[in-house]
N, C-alpha and C. Protein backbone atom coordinates (compact mmCIF):
# COMPACT_ATOMS: atom_id res chain seq x y z
N UNK A 1 86.54 109.70 106.99
CA UNK A 1 87.22 108.77 107.87
C UNK A 1 86.87 107.34 107.47
N UNK A 2 87.86 106.50 107.45
CA UNK A 2 87.65 105.09 107.13
C UNK A 2 87.48 104.33 108.43
N UNK A 3 86.38 103.61 108.55
CA UNK A 3 86.11 102.80 109.74
C UNK A 3 86.28 101.33 109.42
N UNK A 4 86.38 100.55 110.49
CA UNK A 4 86.55 99.11 110.36
C UNK A 4 85.22 98.41 110.58
N UNK A 5 85.00 97.36 109.83
CA UNK A 5 83.80 96.53 109.97
C UNK A 5 84.29 95.10 110.14
N UNK A 6 83.47 94.26 110.79
CA UNK A 6 83.86 92.87 111.00
C UNK A 6 82.72 91.93 110.66
N UNK A 7 82.95 90.63 110.85
CA UNK A 7 81.92 89.64 110.53
C UNK A 7 80.59 89.95 111.22
N UNK A 8 80.65 90.41 112.47
CA UNK A 8 79.43 90.65 113.25
C UNK A 8 78.70 91.92 112.82
N UNK A 9 79.41 92.92 112.30
CA UNK A 9 78.78 94.20 111.98
C UNK A 9 78.61 94.45 110.49
N UNK A 10 79.12 93.55 109.65
CA UNK A 10 79.11 93.78 108.20
C UNK A 10 77.71 94.01 107.65
N UNK A 11 76.77 93.14 107.97
CA UNK A 11 75.42 93.28 107.41
C UNK A 11 74.79 94.62 107.77
N UNK A 12 74.90 95.02 109.03
CA UNK A 12 74.29 96.28 109.48
C UNK A 12 74.99 97.49 108.88
N UNK A 13 76.31 97.45 108.79
CA UNK A 13 77.08 98.60 108.32
C UNK A 13 77.12 98.72 106.80
N UNK A 14 77.08 97.59 106.09
CA UNK A 14 77.24 97.61 104.64
C UNK A 14 75.94 97.30 103.92
N UNK A 15 75.38 96.14 104.18
CA UNK A 15 74.20 95.70 103.43
C UNK A 15 72.96 96.52 103.74
N UNK A 16 72.84 97.03 104.97
CA UNK A 16 71.67 97.82 105.36
C UNK A 16 71.88 99.32 105.16
N UNK A 17 73.03 99.73 104.66
CA UNK A 17 73.33 101.15 104.48
C UNK A 17 72.47 101.74 103.37
N UNK A 18 71.96 102.94 103.61
CA UNK A 18 71.18 103.62 102.59
C UNK A 18 72.08 104.31 101.57
N UNK A 19 73.31 104.60 101.96
CA UNK A 19 74.26 105.20 101.02
C UNK A 19 75.22 104.13 100.49
N UNK A 20 75.83 104.37 99.35
CA UNK A 20 76.81 103.41 98.82
C UNK A 20 77.98 103.24 99.79
N UNK A 21 78.55 102.04 99.79
CA UNK A 21 79.65 101.72 100.69
C UNK A 21 80.77 101.06 99.89
N UNK A 22 81.97 101.61 100.02
CA UNK A 22 83.16 101.00 99.44
C UNK A 22 83.85 100.23 100.55
N UNK A 23 84.04 98.93 100.35
CA UNK A 23 84.68 98.09 101.36
C UNK A 23 86.03 97.62 100.84
N UNK A 24 87.07 97.88 101.63
CA UNK A 24 88.41 97.41 101.31
C UNK A 24 88.68 96.18 102.14
N UNK A 25 88.94 95.06 101.46
CA UNK A 25 89.34 93.83 102.13
C UNK A 25 90.87 93.81 102.13
N UNK A 26 91.47 93.81 103.31
CA UNK A 26 92.92 93.88 103.41
C UNK A 26 93.43 93.16 104.64
N UNK A 27 94.71 93.34 104.91
CA UNK A 27 95.36 92.74 106.07
C UNK A 27 96.55 93.59 106.48
N UNK A 28 96.90 93.55 107.76
CA UNK A 28 98.01 94.35 108.28
C UNK A 28 99.34 93.98 107.63
N UNK A 29 99.50 92.73 107.25
CA UNK A 29 100.77 92.26 106.67
C UNK A 29 100.90 92.56 105.17
N UNK A 30 99.87 93.12 104.56
CA UNK A 30 99.81 93.34 103.11
C UNK A 30 100.37 94.72 102.76
N UNK A 31 101.58 94.80 102.14
CA UNK A 31 102.14 96.11 101.79
C UNK A 31 101.25 96.97 100.89
N UNK A 32 100.62 96.42 99.82
CA UNK A 32 99.75 97.29 99.01
C UNK A 32 98.54 97.81 99.81
N UNK A 33 98.08 97.02 100.78
CA UNK A 33 96.96 97.47 101.62
C UNK A 33 97.39 98.67 102.46
N UNK A 34 98.59 98.60 103.02
CA UNK A 34 99.10 99.72 103.82
C UNK A 34 99.31 100.95 102.96
N UNK A 35 99.73 100.77 101.71
CA UNK A 35 99.91 101.90 100.80
C UNK A 35 98.58 102.51 100.38
N UNK A 36 97.54 101.70 100.32
CA UNK A 36 96.21 102.17 99.92
C UNK A 36 95.51 102.93 101.04
N UNK A 37 95.86 102.64 102.30
CA UNK A 37 95.16 103.23 103.45
C UNK A 37 95.09 104.76 103.41
N UNK A 38 96.20 105.49 103.18
CA UNK A 38 96.07 106.95 103.15
C UNK A 38 95.26 107.46 101.96
N UNK A 39 95.27 106.73 100.87
CA UNK A 39 94.46 107.11 99.70
C UNK A 39 92.98 106.97 100.05
N UNK A 40 92.62 105.88 100.73
CA UNK A 40 91.23 105.69 101.15
C UNK A 40 90.80 106.80 102.10
N UNK A 41 91.69 107.20 103.01
CA UNK A 41 91.36 108.29 103.94
C UNK A 41 91.09 109.59 103.19
N UNK A 42 91.92 109.91 102.20
CA UNK A 42 91.71 111.13 101.41
C UNK A 42 90.38 111.09 100.68
N UNK A 43 90.08 109.95 100.07
CA UNK A 43 88.82 109.81 99.33
C UNK A 43 87.64 109.92 100.29
N UNK A 44 87.75 109.31 101.46
CA UNK A 44 86.67 109.39 102.46
C UNK A 44 86.41 110.83 102.88
N UNK A 45 87.48 111.62 102.99
CA UNK A 45 87.33 113.02 103.36
C UNK A 45 86.68 113.85 102.24
N UNK A 46 86.92 113.46 100.99
CA UNK A 46 86.43 114.22 99.84
C UNK A 46 85.04 113.81 99.37
N UNK A 47 84.67 112.57 99.60
CA UNK A 47 83.41 112.05 99.07
C UNK A 47 82.43 111.72 100.20
N UNK A 48 81.53 112.63 100.45
CA UNK A 48 80.55 112.40 101.51
C UNK A 48 79.41 111.49 101.06
N UNK A 49 79.32 111.23 99.75
CA UNK A 49 78.23 110.41 99.23
C UNK A 49 78.54 108.90 99.30
N UNK A 50 79.76 108.54 99.73
CA UNK A 50 80.14 107.13 99.81
C UNK A 50 80.82 106.88 101.15
N UNK A 51 80.36 105.87 101.86
CA UNK A 51 81.03 105.45 103.10
C UNK A 51 82.17 104.52 102.71
N UNK A 52 83.30 104.63 103.38
CA UNK A 52 84.43 103.75 103.12
C UNK A 52 84.75 102.98 104.39
N UNK A 53 84.75 101.67 104.26
CA UNK A 53 85.01 100.77 105.39
C UNK A 53 86.10 99.79 105.01
N UNK A 54 86.74 99.22 106.01
CA UNK A 54 87.77 98.23 105.76
C UNK A 54 87.50 96.97 106.59
N UNK A 55 87.86 95.83 106.02
CA UNK A 55 87.70 94.53 106.68
C UNK A 55 89.07 93.86 106.74
N UNK A 56 89.49 93.46 107.92
CA UNK A 56 90.72 92.68 108.08
C UNK A 56 90.37 91.22 107.81
N UNK A 57 90.86 90.69 106.70
CA UNK A 57 90.47 89.33 106.29
C UNK A 57 90.97 88.26 107.25
N UNK A 58 92.08 88.51 107.91
CA UNK A 58 92.59 87.52 108.86
C UNK A 58 91.66 87.36 110.06
N UNK A 59 91.08 88.45 110.52
CA UNK A 59 90.19 88.42 111.67
C UNK A 59 88.73 88.15 111.29
N UNK A 60 88.41 88.21 110.00
CA UNK A 60 87.02 88.08 109.55
C UNK A 60 86.90 87.15 108.35
N UNK A 61 87.24 85.88 108.53
CA UNK A 61 87.23 84.94 107.41
C UNK A 61 85.85 84.67 106.83
N UNK A 62 84.81 84.82 107.63
CA UNK A 62 83.46 84.56 107.13
C UNK A 62 83.08 85.58 106.05
N UNK A 63 83.34 86.85 106.29
CA UNK A 63 83.02 87.88 105.31
C UNK A 63 83.91 87.75 104.09
N UNK A 64 85.18 87.44 104.29
CA UNK A 64 86.09 87.23 103.17
C UNK A 64 85.59 86.10 102.27
N UNK A 65 85.20 84.99 102.88
CA UNK A 65 84.71 83.84 102.11
C UNK A 65 83.39 84.11 101.43
N UNK A 66 82.54 84.86 102.09
CA UNK A 66 81.21 85.18 101.56
C UNK A 66 81.30 85.90 100.21
N UNK A 67 82.34 86.73 100.06
CA UNK A 67 82.50 87.49 98.82
C UNK A 67 83.65 86.98 97.95
N UNK A 68 84.18 85.82 98.29
CA UNK A 68 85.19 85.17 97.46
C UNK A 68 86.47 85.96 97.29
N UNK A 69 86.85 86.70 98.31
CA UNK A 69 88.06 87.52 98.24
C UNK A 69 89.29 86.61 98.32
N UNK A 70 90.10 86.62 97.25
CA UNK A 70 91.28 85.77 97.18
C UNK A 70 92.57 86.57 97.11
N UNK A 71 92.50 87.84 96.70
CA UNK A 71 93.67 88.69 96.55
C UNK A 71 93.46 89.97 97.35
N UNK A 72 94.57 90.53 97.82
CA UNK A 72 94.51 91.75 98.62
C UNK A 72 95.34 92.85 97.98
N UNK A 73 94.90 94.08 98.10
CA UNK A 73 93.58 94.48 98.56
C UNK A 73 92.51 94.26 97.48
N UNK A 74 91.32 93.94 97.93
CA UNK A 74 90.15 93.87 97.05
C UNK A 74 89.18 94.95 97.51
N UNK A 75 88.69 95.72 96.56
CA UNK A 75 87.70 96.76 96.85
C UNK A 75 86.38 96.36 96.22
N UNK A 76 85.34 96.37 97.04
CA UNK A 76 83.98 96.08 96.56
C UNK A 76 83.11 97.28 96.86
N UNK A 77 82.39 97.75 95.86
CA UNK A 77 81.45 98.84 96.07
C UNK A 77 80.05 98.26 96.15
N UNK A 78 79.36 98.58 97.24
CA UNK A 78 77.99 98.11 97.47
C UNK A 78 77.03 99.28 97.30
N UNK A 79 75.92 99.02 96.65
CA UNK A 79 74.84 100.00 96.52
C UNK A 79 73.54 99.25 96.76
N UNK A 80 72.70 99.82 97.60
CA UNK A 80 71.41 99.19 97.96
C UNK A 80 71.63 97.76 98.46
N UNK A 81 72.70 97.56 99.21
CA UNK A 81 72.95 96.26 99.82
C UNK A 81 73.53 95.20 98.93
N UNK A 82 73.87 95.56 97.69
CA UNK A 82 74.40 94.57 96.74
C UNK A 82 75.76 95.01 96.21
N UNK A 83 76.67 94.06 96.01
CA UNK A 83 77.95 94.44 95.41
C UNK A 83 77.74 94.76 93.93
N UNK A 84 78.20 95.94 93.51
CA UNK A 84 78.00 96.36 92.12
C UNK A 84 79.28 96.37 91.30
N UNK A 85 80.43 96.59 91.93
CA UNK A 85 81.71 96.59 91.21
C UNK A 85 82.81 96.11 92.14
N UNK A 86 83.83 95.48 91.55
CA UNK A 86 84.98 95.00 92.30
C UNK A 86 86.25 95.33 91.55
N UNK A 87 87.30 95.66 92.28
CA UNK A 87 88.61 95.87 91.70
C UNK A 87 89.65 95.32 92.68
N UNK A 88 90.72 94.78 92.13
CA UNK A 88 91.76 94.17 92.95
C UNK A 88 93.06 94.92 92.75
N UNK A 89 93.74 95.21 93.85
CA UNK A 89 95.07 95.79 93.78
C UNK A 89 95.13 97.26 94.16
N UNK A 90 96.36 97.71 94.34
CA UNK A 90 96.64 99.10 94.68
C UNK A 90 96.33 99.99 93.48
N UNK A 91 95.78 101.16 93.76
CA UNK A 91 95.49 102.10 92.68
C UNK A 91 95.71 103.52 93.18
N UNK A 92 95.90 104.41 92.24
CA UNK A 92 96.07 105.83 92.57
C UNK A 92 94.74 106.41 93.03
N UNK A 93 94.83 107.58 93.64
CA UNK A 93 93.62 108.27 94.08
C UNK A 93 92.71 108.58 92.90
N UNK A 94 93.29 109.05 91.80
CA UNK A 94 92.50 109.36 90.61
C UNK A 94 91.77 108.15 90.07
N UNK A 95 92.47 107.03 90.03
CA UNK A 95 91.85 105.80 89.52
C UNK A 95 90.75 105.32 90.47
N UNK A 96 90.99 105.47 91.77
CA UNK A 96 89.98 105.06 92.75
C UNK A 96 88.73 105.93 92.62
N UNK A 97 88.91 107.23 92.47
CA UNK A 97 87.76 108.12 92.30
C UNK A 97 86.98 107.78 91.03
N UNK A 98 87.70 107.48 89.95
CA UNK A 98 87.04 107.09 88.70
C UNK A 98 86.28 105.78 88.87
N UNK A 99 86.87 104.83 89.59
CA UNK A 99 86.21 103.55 89.86
C UNK A 99 84.90 103.77 90.62
N UNK A 100 84.93 104.62 91.64
CA UNK A 100 83.73 104.90 92.43
C UNK A 100 82.67 105.56 91.54
N UNK A 101 83.06 106.57 90.78
CA UNK A 101 82.11 107.28 89.93
C UNK A 101 81.47 106.35 88.90
N UNK A 102 82.28 105.53 88.26
CA UNK A 102 81.75 104.59 87.25
C UNK A 102 80.81 103.57 87.89
N UNK A 103 81.19 103.08 89.06
CA UNK A 103 80.35 102.08 89.73
C UNK A 103 79.01 102.68 90.15
N UNK A 104 79.04 103.90 90.65
CA UNK A 104 77.79 104.55 91.05
C UNK A 104 76.91 104.86 89.86
N UNK A 105 77.52 105.17 88.74
CA UNK A 105 76.76 105.42 87.52
C UNK A 105 76.04 104.14 87.06
N UNK A 106 76.75 103.03 87.12
CA UNK A 106 76.17 101.73 86.74
C UNK A 106 75.04 101.34 87.71
N UNK A 107 75.25 101.62 88.99
CA UNK A 107 74.27 101.24 90.01
C UNK A 107 73.03 102.10 90.00
N UNK A 108 73.11 103.27 89.42
CA UNK A 108 71.97 104.21 89.46
C UNK A 108 70.81 103.74 88.60
């Protein structure tokens, strides 16, 4: 399941997480973000080793600015409280799974 995080909960949910966290920065008005949502849900159901969260950039400008997010959707993978990989744009489920696997390999 993909949960939502905001400016107030980001540090506790993402930076303090003991497991890796994939954060999708998106917005309700963003068509590629809406297309990515069901793919993120599928990946969340299949990968118990990674938490998947989403941030609405319109409602959470502080977190968006903190990570320099300029394009949507932006995916950031965090491990041990640090961003380890970033990718921008819509991607297939296979490409997303490969991105997660490669990022976790680098972070290990």
